[in-house]
């Protein structure tokens, strides 16, 4: 899987002690990762060649994105073969982008997923 739309930004790498790192190129999923990307209010693309599809992750009210793949660190309720072939791309407002909401106020954070065939 390849993830596009986060190039040129930076992230905190949760698997490396929250090291701040520059993302120079597309993300290729080839092992465990758990990152928080910042300044990402735009759409993200997941290219899934195994199923010949492009997944578009559009966001509202989100300024950061979590990208997570457990690889061998299988979460409860998931089979090992499932965890190695999945990715989570999640709209958030985390760390540098944390949002405070006053009593009685509202904040909308939404995600819209759409899928189309590659090519």
PDB file of N, CA and C in Angstrom:
ATOM      1  N   UNK A   1       0.834  -1.187   0.000  1.00  0.00           N
ATOM      2  CA  UNK A   1       0.000   0.000   0.000  1.00  0.00           C
ATOM      3  C   UNK A   1       0.877   1.247   0.000  1.00  0.00           C
ATOM      4  N   UNK A   2       0.393   2.258  -0.690  1.00  0.00           N
ATOM      5  CA  UNK A   2       1.081   3.542  -0.750  1.00  0.00           C
ATOM      6  C   UNK A   2       0.095   4.617  -0.309  1.00  0.00           C
ATOM      7  N   UNK A   3       0.572   5.544   0.512  1.00  0.00           N
ATOM      8  CA  UNK A   3      -0.259   6.652   0.982  1.00  0.00           C
ATOM      9  C   UNK A   3       0.327   7.947   0.436  1.00  0.00           C
ATOM     10  N   UNK A   4      -0.539   8.740  -0.224  1.00  0.00           N
ATOM     11  CA  UNK A   4      -0.123  10.017  -0.809  1.00  0.00           C
ATOM     12  C   UNK A   4      -0.876  11.161  -0.132  1.00  0.00           C
ATOM     13  N   UNK A   5      -0.219  12.311  -0.085  1.00  0.00           N
ATOM     14  CA  UNK A   5      -0.854  13.509   0.445  1.00  0.00           C
ATOM     15  C   UNK A   5      -0.222  14.011   1.725  1.00  0.00           C
ATOM     16  N   UNK A   6       0.762  13.288   2.239  1.00  0.00           N
ATOM     17  CA  UNK A   6       1.430  13.715   3.473  1.00  0.00           C
ATOM     18  C   UNK A   6       2.884  14.128   3.223  1.00  0.00           C
ATOM     19  N   UNK A   7       3.288  14.115   1.948  1.00  0.00           N
ATOM     20  CA  UNK A   7       4.649  14.497   1.593  1.00  0.00           C
ATOM     21  C   UNK A   7       4.889  15.967   1.927  1.00  0.00           C
ATOM     22  N   UNK A   8       6.115  16.257   2.370  1.00  0.00           N
ATOM     23  CA  UNK A   8       6.508  17.632   2.638  1.00  0.00           C
ATOM     24  C   UNK A   8       6.197  18.105   4.043  1.00  0.00           C
ATOM     25  N   UNK A   9       5.419  17.341   4.776  1.00  0.00           N
ATOM     26  CA  UNK A   9       5.089  17.701   6.153  1.00  0.00           C
ATOM     27  C   UNK A   9       5.989  16.983   7.142  1.00  0.00           C
ATOM     28  N   UNK A  10       5.619  17.095   8.404  1.00  0.00           N
ATOM     29  CA  UNK A  10       6.387  16.396   9.427  1.00  0.00           C
ATOM     30  C   UNK A  10       5.443  15.575  10.291  1.00  0.00           C
ATOM     31  N   UNK A  11       6.036  14.634  11.010  1.00  0.00           N
ATOM     32  CA  UNK A  11       5.251  13.773  11.881  1.00  0.00           C
ATOM     33  C   UNK A  11       6.022  13.454  13.154  1.00  0.00           C
ATOM     34  N   UNK A  12       5.278  13.017  14.156  1.00  0.00           N
ATOM     35  CA  UNK A  12       5.863  12.449  15.365  1.00  0.00           C
ATOM     36  C   UNK A  12       5.772  10.944  15.226  1.00  0.00           C
ATOM     37  N   UNK A  13       6.901  10.263  15.379  1.00  0.00           N
ATOM     38  CA  UNK A  13       6.965   8.818  15.231  1.00  0.00           C
ATOM     39  C   UNK A  13       6.825   8.178  16.611  1.00  0.00           C
ATOM     40  N   UNK A  14       5.658   7.629  16.888  1.00  0.00           N
ATOM     41  CA  UNK A  14       5.372   7.058  18.204  1.00  0.00           C
ATOM     42  C   UNK A  14       6.210   5.811  18.493  1.00  0.00           C
ATOM     43  N   UNK A  15       6.693   5.133  17.459  1.00  0.00           N
ATOM     44  CA  UNK A  15       7.517   3.939  17.657  1.00  0.00           C
ATOM     45  C   UNK A  15       8.986   4.283  17.883  1.00  0.00           C
ATOM     46  N   UNK A  16       9.336   5.564  17.725  1.00  0.00           N
ATOM     47  CA  UNK A  16      10.722   6.011  17.938  1.00  0.00           C
ATOM     48  C   UNK A  16      10.762   7.139  18.958  1.00  0.00           C
ATOM     49  N   UNK A  17       9.990   6.969  20.048  1.00  0.00           N
ATOM     50  CA  UNK A  17      10.018   7.949  21.130  1.00  0.00           C
ATOM     51  C   UNK A  17       9.470   9.305  20.752  1.00  0.00           C
ATOM     52  N   UNK A  18       8.516   9.361  19.837  1.00  0.00           N
ATOM     53  CA  UNK A  18       7.898  10.600  19.371  1.00  0.00           C
ATOM     54  C   UNK A  18       8.902  11.526  18.676  1.00  0.00           C
ATOM     55  N   UNK A  19       9.867  10.931  17.989  1.00  0.00           N
ATOM     56  CA  UNK A  19      10.845  11.722  17.230  1.00  0.00           C
ATOM     57  C   UNK A  19      10.136  12.502  16.127  1.00  0.00           C
ATOM     58  N   UNK A  20      10.460  13.780  16.005  1.00  0.00           N
ATOM     59  CA  UNK A  20       9.903  14.635  14.950  1.00  0.00           C
ATOM     60  C   UNK A  20      10.697  14.366  13.671  1.00  0.00           C
ATOM     61  N   UNK A  21       9.978  14.008  12.591  1.00  0.00           N
ATOM     62  CA  UNK A  21      10.621  13.571  11.357  1.00  0.00           C
ATOM     63  C   UNK A  21       9.945  14.218  10.160  1.00  0.00           C
ATOM     64  N   UNK A  22      10.723  14.569   9.153  1.00  0.00           N
ATOM     65  CA  UNK A  22      10.209  15.120   7.897  1.00  0.00           C
ATOM     66  C   UNK A  22       9.756  13.980   6.997  1.00  0.00           C
ATOM     67  N   UNK A  23       8.585  14.125   6.341  1.00  0.00           N
ATOM     68  CA  UNK A  23       8.102  13.137   5.364  1.00  0.00           C
ATOM     69  C   UNK A  23       8.405  13.670   3.970  1.00  0.00           C
ATOM     70  N   UNK A  24       9.443  13.151   3.350  1.00  0.00           N
ATOM     71  CA  UNK A  24       9.873  13.667   2.051  1.00  0.00           C
ATOM     72  C   UNK A  24       9.146  13.050   0.866  1.00  0.00           C
ATOM     73  N   UNK A  25       8.687  11.818   1.000  1.00  0.00           N
ATOM     74  CA  UNK A  25       8.119  11.089  -0.124  1.00  0.00           C
ATOM     75  C   UNK A  25       6.793  10.458   0.293  1.00  0.00           C
ATOM     76  N   UNK A  26       6.174   9.709  -0.622  1.00  0.00           N
ATOM     77  CA  UNK A  26       4.958   8.976  -0.274  1.00  0.00           C
ATOM     78  C   UNK A  26       5.298   7.949   0.804  1.00  0.00           C
ATOM     79  N   UNK A  27       4.285   7.469   1.498  1.00  0.00           N
ATOM     80  CA  UNK A  27       4.474   6.445   2.529  1.00  0.00           C
ATOM     81  C   UNK A  27       4.199   5.087   1.903  1.00  0.00           C
ATOM     82  N   UNK A  28       5.147   4.175   2.031  1.00  0.00           N
ATOM     83  CA  UNK A  28       4.948   2.802   1.588  1.00  0.00           C
ATOM     84  C   UNK A  28       4.863   1.934   2.838  1.00  0.00           C
ATOM     85  N   UNK A  29       3.749   1.221   2.975  1.00  0.00           N
ATOM     86  CA  UNK A  29       3.547   0.380   4.152  1.00  0.00           C
ATOM     87  C   UNK A  29       4.314  -0.919   3.953  1.00  0.00           C
ATOM     88  N   UNK A  30       5.351  -1.118   4.784  1.00  0.00           N
ATOM     89  CA  UNK A  30       6.136  -2.350   4.720  1.00  0.00           C
ATOM     90  C   UNK A  30       6.570  -2.802   6.110  1.00  0.00           C
ATOM     91  N   UNK A  31       5.783  -2.453   7.104  1.00  0.00           N
ATOM     92  CA  UNK A  31       6.073  -2.842   8.475  1.00  0.00           C
ATOM     93  C   UNK A  31       5.301  -1.953   9.429  1.00  0.00           C
ATOM     94  N   UNK A  32       5.508  -2.180  10.710  1.00  0.00           N
ATOM     95  CA  UNK A  32       4.794  -1.430  11.736  1.00  0.00           C
ATOM     96  C   UNK A  32       5.125   0.056  11.656  1.00  0.00           C
ATOM     97  N   UNK A  33       4.090   0.883  11.818  1.00  0.00           N
ATOM     98  CA  UNK A  33       4.295   2.318  11.973  1.00  0.00           C
ATOM     99  C   UNK A  33       3.122   2.900  12.750  1.00  0.00           C
ATOM    100  N   UNK A  34       3.408   3.981  13.460  1.00  0.00           N
ATOM    101  CA  UNK A  34       2.400   4.686  14.250  1.00  0.00           C
ATOM    102  C   UNK A  34       2.861   6.138  14.330  1.00  0.00           C
ATOM    103  N   UNK A  35       2.227   6.990  13.502  1.00  0.00           N
ATOM    104  CA  UNK A  35       2.698   8.363  13.342  1.00  0.00           C
ATOM    105  C   UNK A  35       1.543   9.350  13.418  1.00  0.00           C
ATOM    106  N   UNK A  36       1.865  10.553  13.873  1.00  0.00           N
ATOM    107  CA  UNK A  36       0.923  11.671  13.856  1.00  0.00           C
ATOM    108  C   UNK A  36       1.491  12.722  12.908  1.00  0.00           C
ATOM    109  N   UNK A  37       0.783  12.991  11.808  1.00  0.00           N
ATOM    110  CA  UNK A  37       1.190  13.990  10.816  1.00  0.00           C
ATOM    111  C   UNK A  37       0.475  15.298  11.096  1.00  0.00           C
ATOM    112  N   UNK A  38       1.167  16.417  10.894  1.00  0.00           N
ATOM    113  CA  UNK A  38       0.616  17.734  11.214  1.00  0.00           C
ATOM    114  C   UNK A  38       0.393  18.583   9.972  1.00  0.00           C
ATOM    115  N   UNK A  39      -0.538  19.550  10.099  1.00  0.00           N
ATOM    116  CA  UNK A  39      -0.850  20.454   9.000  1.00  0.00           C
ATOM    117  C   UNK A  39      -1.504  19.725   7.838  1.00  0.00           C
ATOM    118  N   UNK A  40      -2.404  18.805   8.152  1.00  0.00           N
ATOM    119  CA  UNK A  40      -2.982  17.941   7.119  1.00  0.00           C
ATOM    120  C   UNK A  40      -4.504  18.048   7.092  1.00  0.00           C
ATOM    121  N   UNK A  41      -5.019  19.182   6.692  1.00  0.00           N
ATOM    122  CA  UNK A  41      -6.468  19.342   6.596  1.00  0.00           C
ATOM    123  C   UNK A  41      -6.999  18.880   5.241  1.00  0.00           C
ATOM    124  N   UNK A  42      -6.123  18.540   4.320  1.00  0.00           N
ATOM    125  CA  UNK A  42      -6.495  18.130   2.965  1.00  0.00           C
ATOM    126  C   UNK A  42      -6.745  16.611   2.882  1.00  0.00           C
ATOM    127  N   UNK A  43      -7.214  16.162   1.737  1.00  0.00           N
ATOM    128  CA  UNK A  43      -7.508  14.748   1.505  1.00  0.00           C
ATOM    129  C   UNK A  43      -6.218  13.919   1.381  1.00  0.00           C
ATOM    130  N   UNK A  44      -6.334  12.650   1.760  1.00  0.00           N
ATOM    131  CA  UNK A  44      -5.235  11.693   1.692  1.00  0.00           C
ATOM    132  C   UNK A  44      -5.674  10.544   0.791  1.00  0.00           C
ATOM    133  N   UNK A  45      -4.758  10.005  -0.019  1.00  0.00           N
ATOM    134  CA  UNK A  45      -5.064   8.880  -0.899  1.00  0.00           C
ATOM    135  C   UNK A  45      -4.321   7.630  -0.442  1.00  0.00           C
ATOM    136  N   UNK A  46      -5.044   6.514  -0.419  1.00  0.00           N
ATOM    137  CA  UNK A  46      -4.447   5.210  -0.128  1.00  0.00           C
ATOM    138  C   UNK A  46      -4.543   4.378  -1.404  1.00  0.00           C
ATOM    139  N   UNK A  47      -3.409   4.030  -1.971  1.00  0.00           N
ATOM    140  CA  UNK A  47      -3.380   3.199  -3.173  1.00  0.00           C
ATOM    141  C   UNK A  47      -3.229   1.743  -2.741  1.00  0.00           C
ATOM    142  N   UNK A  48      -4.277   0.964  -2.968  1.00  0.00           N
ATOM    143  CA  UNK A  48      -4.320  -0.439  -2.569  1.00  0.00           C
ATOM    144  C   UNK A  48      -4.295  -1.304  -3.826  1.00  0.00           C
ATOM    145  N   UNK A  49      -3.089  -1.700  -4.254  1.00  0.00           N
ATOM    146  CA  UNK A  49      -2.956  -2.473  -5.488  1.00  0.00           C
ATOM    147  C   UNK A  49      -3.473  -3.899  -5.329  1.00  0.00           C
ATOM    148  N   UNK A  50      -3.486  -4.423  -4.114  1.00  0.00           N
ATOM    149  CA  UNK A  50      -3.991  -5.785  -3.888  1.00  0.00           C
ATOM    150  C   UNK A  50      -5.456  -5.905  -4.310  1.00  0.00           C
ATOM    151  N   UNK A  51      -6.247  -4.858  -4.059  1.00  0.00           N
ATOM    152  CA  UNK A  51      -7.657  -4.865  -4.426  1.00  0.00           C
ATOM    153  C   UNK A  51      -7.953  -3.897  -5.576  1.00  0.00           C
ATOM    154  N   UNK A  52      -6.886  -3.399  -6.250  1.00  0.00           N
ATOM    155  CA  UNK A  52      -7.019  -2.517  -7.408  1.00  0.00           C
ATOM    156  C   UNK A  52      -7.940  -1.327  -7.122  1.00  0.00           C
ATOM    157  N   UNK A  53      -7.673  -0.630  -6.014  1.00  0.00           N
ATOM    158  CA  UNK A  53      -8.548   0.483  -5.638  1.00  0.00           C
ATOM    159  C   UNK A  53      -7.750   1.645  -5.061  1.00  0.00           C
ATOM    160  N   UNK A  54      -8.359   2.814  -5.151  1.00  0.00           N
ATOM    161  CA  UNK A  54      -7.830   4.023  -4.541  1.00  0.00           C
ATOM    162  C   UNK A  54      -8.860   4.470  -3.513  1.00  0.00           C
ATOM    163  N   UNK A  55      -8.438   4.608  -2.268  1.00  0.00           N
ATOM    164  CA  UNK A  55      -9.319   5.047  -1.190  1.00  0.00           C
ATOM    165  C   UNK A  55      -8.980   6.500  -0.887  1.00  0.00           C
ATOM    166  N   UNK A  56      -9.977   7.364  -0.961  1.00  0.00           N
ATOM    167  CA  UNK A  56      -9.788   8.780  -0.680  1.00  0.00           C
ATOM    168  C   UNK A  56     -10.332   9.064   0.717  1.00  0.00           C
ATOM    169  N   UNK A  57      -9.490   9.647   1.576  1.00  0.00           N
ATOM    170  CA  UNK A  57      -9.872  10.011   2.939  1.00  0.00           C
ATOM    171  C   UNK A  57      -9.958  11.534   2.982  1.00  0.00           C
ATOM    172  N   UNK A  58     -11.199  12.057   3.005  1.00  0.00           N
ATOM    173  CA  UNK A  58     -11.415  13.500   3.093  1.00  0.00           C
ATOM    174  C   UNK A  58     -11.797  13.836   4.527  1.00  0.00           C
ATOM    175  N   UNK A  59     -11.350  15.010   4.993  1.00  0.00           N
ATOM    176  CA  UNK A  59     -11.526  15.364   6.391  1.00  0.00           C
ATOM    177  C   UNK A  59     -12.180  16.734   6.543  1.00  0.00           C
ATOM    178  N   UNK A  60     -12.854  16.890   7.676  1.00  0.00           N
ATOM    179  CA  UNK A  60     -13.436  18.179   8.062  1.00  0.00           C
ATOM    180  C   UNK A  60     -13.109  18.422   9.533  1.00  0.00           C
ATOM    181  N   UNK A  61     -12.594  19.598   9.832  1.00  0.00           N
ATOM    182  CA  UNK A  61     -12.302  19.956  11.215  1.00  0.00           C
ATOM    183  C   UNK A  61     -11.105  19.245  11.804  1.00  0.00           C
ATOM    184  N   UNK A  62     -10.264  18.706  10.960  1.00  0.00           N
ATOM    185  CA  UNK A  62      -9.085  17.958  11.405  1.00  0.00           C
ATOM    186  C   UNK A  62      -7.841  18.606  10.820  1.00  0.00           C
ATOM    187  N   UNK A  63      -6.825  18.781  11.657  1.00  0.00           N
ATOM    188  CA  UNK A  63      -5.584  19.396  11.201  1.00  0.00           C
ATOM    189  C   UNK A  63      -4.382  18.466  11.322  1.00  0.00           C
ATOM    190  N   UNK A  64      -4.627  17.243  11.790  1.00  0.00           N
ATOM    191  CA  UNK A  64      -3.565  16.246  11.847  1.00  0.00           C
ATOM    192  C   UNK A  64      -4.149  14.888  11.480  1.00  0.00           C
ATOM    193  N   UNK A  65      -3.263  13.961  11.150  1.00  0.00           N
ATOM    194  CA  UNK A  65      -3.669  12.649  10.665  1.00  0.00           C
ATOM    195  C   UNK A  65      -2.813  11.591  11.331  1.00  0.00           C
ATOM    196  N   UNK A  66      -3.450  10.541  11.829  1.00  0.00           N
ATOM    197  CA  UNK A  66      -2.727   9.389  12.353  1.00  0.00           C
ATOM    198  C   UNK A  66      -2.654   8.341  11.251  1.00  0.00           C
ATOM    199  N   UNK A  67      -1.453   7.804  11.031  1.00  0.00           N
ATOM    200  CA  UNK A  67      -1.253   6.674  10.127  1.00  0.00           C
ATOM    201  C   UNK A  67      -0.656   5.557  10.971  1.00  0.00           C
ATOM    202  N   UNK A  68      -1.345   4.400  10.948  1.00  0.00           N
ATOM    203  CA  UNK A  68      -0.974   3.318  11.854  1.00  0.00           C
ATOM    204  C   UNK A  68      -1.100   1.971  11.158  1.00  0.00           C
ATOM    205  N   UNK A  69      -0.080   1.132  11.324  1.00  0.00           N
ATOM    206  CA  UNK A  69      -0.101  -0.263  10.889  1.00  0.00           C
ATOM    207  C   UNK A  69       0.577  -1.077  11.974  1.00  0.00           C
ATOM    208  N   UNK A  70      -0.126  -2.068  12.560  1.00  0.00           N
ATOM    209  CA  UNK A  70       0.447  -2.814  13.675  1.00  0.00           C
ATOM    210  C   UNK A  70       1.467  -3.871  13.266  1.00  0.00           C
ATOM    211  N   UNK A  71       1.449  -4.339  12.019  1.00  0.00           N
ATOM    212  CA  UNK A  71       2.315  -5.396  11.524  1.00  0.00           C
ATOM    213  C   UNK A  71       2.261  -6.595  12.476  1.00  0.00           C
ATOM    214  N   UNK A  72       3.344  -6.944  13.130  1.00  0.00           N
ATOM    215  CA  UNK A  72       3.384  -8.122  14.008  1.00  0.00           C
ATOM    216  C   UNK A  72       2.746  -7.880  15.377  1.00  0.00           C
ATOM    217  N   UNK A  73       2.503  -6.629  15.744  1.00  0.00           N
ATOM    218  CA  UNK A  73       1.920  -6.286  17.049  1.00  0.00           C
ATOM    219  C   UNK A  73       0.397  -6.355  16.953  1.00  0.00           C
ATOM    220  N   UNK A  74      -0.134  -7.559  16.942  1.00  0.00           N
ATOM    221  CA  UNK A  74      -1.538  -7.805  16.649  1.00  0.00           C
ATOM    222  C   UNK A  74      -2.444  -7.287  17.765  1.00  0.00           C
ATOM    223  N   UNK A  75      -3.362  -6.366  17.433  1.00  0.00           N
ATOM    224  CA  UNK A  75      -4.320  -5.884  18.428  1.00  0.00           C
ATOM    225  C   UNK A  75      -5.313  -6.989  18.813  1.00  0.00           C
ATOM    226  N   UNK A  76      -5.879  -6.882  20.000  1.00  0.00           N
ATOM    227  CA  UNK A  76      -6.880  -7.846  20.455  1.00  0.00           C
ATOM    228  C   UNK A  76      -8.029  -7.907  19.459  1.00  0.00           C
ATOM    229  N   UNK A  77      -8.471  -9.104  19.142  1.00  0.00           N
ATOM    230  CA  UNK A  77      -9.591  -9.285  18.233  1.00  0.00           C
ATOM    231  C   UNK A  77      -9.213  -9.327  16.768  1.00  0.00           C
ATOM    232  N   UNK A  78      -7.929  -9.220  16.459  1.00  0.00           N
ATOM    233  CA  UNK A  78      -7.492  -9.230  15.065  1.00  0.00           C
ATOM    234  C   UNK A  78      -6.534 -10.400  14.856  1.00  0.00           C
ATOM    235  N   UNK A  79      -6.687 -11.098  13.742  1.00  0.00           N
ATOM    236  CA  UNK A  79      -5.783 -12.203  13.408  1.00  0.00           C
ATOM    237  C   UNK A  79      -4.466 -11.648  12.860  1.00  0.00           C
ATOM    238  N   UNK A  80      -3.343 -12.364  13.074  1.00  0.00           N
ATOM    239  CA  UNK A  80      -2.044 -11.887  12.579  1.00  0.00           C
ATOM    240  C   UNK A  80      -2.026 -11.596  11.080  1.00  0.00           C
ATOM    241  N   UNK A  81      -2.688 -12.418  10.261  1.00  0.00           N
ATOM    242  CA  UNK A  81      -2.679 -12.173   8.824  1.00  0.00           C
ATOM    243  C   UNK A  81      -3.457 -10.905   8.477  1.00  0.00           C
ATOM    244  N   UNK A  82      -4.428 -10.531   9.307  1.00  0.00           N
ATOM    245  CA  UNK A  82      -5.178  -9.289   9.080  1.00  0.00           C
ATOM    246  C   UNK A  82      -4.341  -8.063   9.422  1.00  0.00           C
ATOM    247  N   UNK A  83      -3.596  -8.130  10.504  1.00  0.00           N
ATOM    248  CA  UNK A  83      -2.857  -6.950  10.970  1.00  0.00           C
ATOM    249  C   UNK A  83      -1.730  -6.552  10.032  1.00  0.00           C
ATOM    250  N   UNK A  84      -1.177  -7.493   9.303  1.00  0.00           N
ATOM    251  CA  UNK A  84      -0.081  -7.178   8.382  1.00  0.00           C
ATOM    252  C   UNK A  84      -0.571  -6.567   7.072  1.00  0.00           C
ATOM    253  N   UNK A  85      -1.870  -6.638   6.810  1.00  0.00           N
ATOM    254  CA  UNK A  85      -2.406  -6.163   5.538  1.00  0.00           C
ATOM    255  C   UNK A  85      -3.456  -5.079   5.736  1.00  0.00           C
ATOM    256  N   UNK A  86      -3.240  -4.234   6.718  1.00  0.00           N
ATOM    257  CA  UNK A  86      -4.189  -3.157   6.977  1.00  0.00           C
ATOM    258  C   UNK A  86      -3.438  -1.870   7.256  1.00  0.00           C
ATOM    259  N   UNK A  87      -4.160  -0.766   7.123  1.00  0.00           N
ATOM    260  CA  UNK A  87      -3.619   0.520   7.522  1.00  0.00           C
ATOM    261  C   UNK A  87      -4.780   1.359   8.044  1.00  0.00           C
ATOM    262  N   UNK A  88      -4.512   2.143   9.040  1.00  0.00           N
ATOM    263  CA  UNK A  88      -5.490   3.082   9.584  1.00  0.00           C
ATOM    264  C   UNK A  88      -5.009   4.489   9.230  1.00  0.00           C
ATOM    265  N   UNK A  89      -5.864   5.254   8.554  1.00  0.00           N
ATOM    266  CA  UNK A  89      -5.596   6.661   8.273  1.00  0.00           C
ATOM    267  C   UNK A  89      -6.746   7.417   8.915  1.00  0.00           C
ATOM    268  N   UNK A  90      -6.444   8.135   9.992  1.00  0.00           N
ATOM    269  CA  UNK A  90      -7.485   8.672  10.869  1.00  0.00           C
ATOM    270  C   UNK A  90      -7.389  10.190  11.012  1.00  0.00           C
ATOM    271  N   UNK A  91      -8.523  10.862  10.853  1.00  0.00           N
ATOM    272  CA  UNK A  91      -8.611  12.305  11.070  1.00  0.00           C
ATOM    273  C   UNK A  91      -8.580  12.576  12.573  1.00  0.00           C
ATOM    274  N   UNK A  92      -7.664  13.428  13.007  1.00  0.00           N
ATOM    275  CA  UNK A  92      -7.542  13.764  14.431  1.00  0.00           C
ATOM    276  C   UNK A  92      -7.119  15.227  14.583  1.00  0.00           C
ATOM    277  N   UNK A  93      -7.118  15.676  15.814  1.00  0.00           N
ATOM    278  CA  UNK A  93      -6.487  16.932  16.217  1.00  0.00           C
ATOM    279  C   UNK A  93      -5.652  16.570  17.435  1.00  0.00           C
ATOM    280  N   UNK A  94      -4.403  16.198  17.203  1.00  0.00           N
ATOM    281  CA  UNK A  94      -3.567  15.637  18.260  1.00  0.00           C
ATOM    282  C   UNK A  94      -2.295  16.454  18.456  1.00  0.00           C
ATOM    283  N   UNK A  95      -1.700  16.286  19.625  1.00  0.00           N
ATOM    284  CA  UNK A  95      -0.411  16.900  19.962  1.00  0.00           C
ATOM    285  C   UNK A  95      -0.403  18.387  19.624  1.00  0.00           C
ATOM    286  N   UNK A  96       0.371  18.815  18.615  1.00  0.00           N
ATOM    287  CA  UNK A  96       0.472  20.233  18.248  1.00  0.00           C
ATOM    288  C   UNK A  96      -0.859  20.825  17.788  1.00  0.00           C
ATOM    289  N   UNK A  97      -1.796  19.979  17.364  1.00  0.00           N
ATOM    290  CA  UNK A  97      -3.077  20.440  16.817  1.00  0.00           C
ATOM    291  C   UNK A  97      -4.264  20.196  17.750  1.00  0.00           C
ATOM    292  N   UNK A  98      -3.996  19.986  19.028  1.00  0.00           N
ATOM    293  CA  UNK A  98      -5.072  19.742  19.982  1.00  0.00           C
ATOM    294  C   UNK A  98      -6.052  20.915  19.995  1.00  0.00           C
ATOM    295  N   UNK A  99      -7.332  20.596  20.108  1.00  0.00           N
ATOM    296  CA  UNK A  99      -8.394  21.602  20.090  1.00  0.00           C
ATOM    297  C   UNK A  99      -9.080  21.616  21.456  1.00  0.00           C
ATOM    298  N   UNK A 100      -9.321  22.806  21.975  1.00  0.00           N
ATOM    299  CA  UNK A 100     -10.094  22.966  23.208  1.00  0.00           C
ATOM    300  C   UNK A 100     -11.493  23.442  22.839  1.00  0.00           C
ATOM    301  N   UNK A 101     -12.487  22.892  23.511  1.00  0.00           N
ATOM    302  CA  UNK A 101     -13.871  23.261  23.242  1.00  0.00           C
ATOM    303  C   UNK A 101     -14.477  23.826  24.522  1.00  0.00           C
ATOM    304  N   UNK A 102     -14.946  25.054  24.446  1.00  0.00           N
ATOM    305  CA  UNK A 102     -15.556  25.705  25.607  1.00  0.00           C
ATOM    306  C   UNK A 102     -16.899  25.046  25.936  1.00  0.00           C
ATOM    307  N   UNK A 103     -17.314  25.096  27.186  1.00  0.00           N
ATOM    308  CA  UNK A 103     -18.627  24.551  27.553  1.00  0.00           C
ATOM    309  C   UNK A 103     -19.727  25.165  26.685  1.00  0.00           C
ATOM    310  N   UNK A 104     -20.579  24.318  26.140  1.00  0.00           N
ATOM    311  CA  UNK A 104     -21.672  24.765  25.296  1.00  0.00           C
ATOM    312  C   UNK A 104     -21.293  24.957  23.830  1.00  0.00           C
ATOM    313  N   UNK A 105     -20.007  24.921  23.525  1.00  0.00           N
ATOM    314  CA  UNK A 105     -19.546  25.096  22.139  1.00  0.00           C
ATOM    315  C   UNK A 105     -19.558  23.755  21.419  1.00  0.00           C
ATOM    316  N   UNK A 106     -19.413  23.804  20.103  1.00  0.00           N
ATOM    317  CA  UNK A 106     -19.381  22.590  19.294  1.00  0.00           C
ATOM    318  C   UNK A 106     -18.146  22.582  18.406  1.00  0.00           C
ATOM    319  N   UNK A 107     -17.669  21.404  18.132  1.00  0.00           N
ATOM    320  CA  UNK A 107     -16.565  21.203  17.178  1.00  0.00           C
ATOM    321  C   UNK A 107     -16.915  19.982  16.352  1.00  0.00           C
ATOM    322  N   UNK A 108     -16.930  20.121  15.053  1.00  0.00           N
ATOM    323  CA  UNK A 108     -17.231  18.992  14.177  1.00  0.00           C
ATOM    324  C   UNK A 108     -15.930  18.468  13.586  1.00  0.00           C
ATOM    325  N   UNK A 109     -15.728  17.179  13.733  1.00  0.00           N
ATOM    326  CA  UNK A 109     -14.595  16.505  13.135  1.00  0.00           C
ATOM    327  C   UNK A 109     -15.186  15.334  12.357  1.00  0.00           C
ATOM    328  N   UNK A 110     -15.013  15.336  11.044  1.00  0.00           N
ATOM    329  CA  UNK A 110     -15.618  14.295  10.220  1.00  0.00           C
ATOM    330  C   UNK A 110     -14.662  13.709   9.215  1.00  0.00           C
ATOM    331  N   UNK A 111     -14.992  12.496   8.790  1.00  0.00           N
ATOM    332  CA  UNK A 111     -14.219  11.799   7.778  1.00  0.00           C
ATOM    333  C   UNK A 111     -15.170  11.254   6.724  1.00  0.00           C
ATOM    334  N   UNK A 112     -14.833  11.456   5.464  1.00  0.00           N
ATOM    335  CA  UNK A 112     -15.588  10.876   4.363  1.00  0.00           C
ATOM    336  C   UNK A 112     -14.651   9.984   3.579  1.00  0.00           C
ATOM    337  N   UNK A 113     -15.031   8.726   3.402  1.00  0.00           N
ATOM    338  CA  UNK A 113     -14.249   7.775   2.639  1.00  0.00           C
ATOM    339  C   UNK A 113     -14.930   7.510   1.313  1.00  0.00           C
ATOM    340  N   UNK A 114     -14.162   7.481   0.246  1.00  0.00           N
ATOM    341  CA  UNK A 114     -14.700   7.094  -1.060  1.00  0.00           C
ATOM    342  C   UNK A 114     -13.677   6.180  -1.729  1.00  0.00           C
ATOM    343  N   UNK A 115     -14.191   5.296  -2.579  1.00  0.00           N
ATOM    344  CA  UNK A 115     -13.342   4.289  -3.222  1.00  0.00           C
ATOM    345  C   UNK A 115     -13.601   4.298  -4.721  1.00  0.00           C
ATOM    346  N   UNK A 116     -12.521   4.161  -5.486  1.00  0.00           N
ATOM    347  CA  UNK A 116     -12.654   3.989  -6.936  1.00  0.00           C
ATOM    348  C   UNK A 116     -11.577   3.026  -7.399  1.00  0.00           C
ATOM    349  N   UNK A 117     -11.763   2.437  -8.550  1.00  0.00           N
ATOM    350  CA  UNK A 117     -10.777   1.520  -9.105  1.00  0.00           C
ATOM    351  C   UNK A 117      -9.547   2.273  -9.560  1.00  0.00           C
ATOM    352  N   UNK A 118      -8.400   1.635  -9.449  1.00  0.00           N
ATOM    353  CA  UNK A 118      -7.157   2.212  -9.963  1.00  0.00           C
ATOM    354  C   UNK A 118      -7.153   2.142 -11.480  1.00  0.00           C
ATOM    355  N   UNK A 119      -6.481   3.118 -12.052  1.00  0.00           N
ATOM    356  CA  UNK A 119      -6.276   3.087 -13.501  1.00  0.00           C
ATOM    357  C   UNK A 119      -7.327   3.685 -14.246  1.00  0.00           C
TER     358      UNK A 119
END
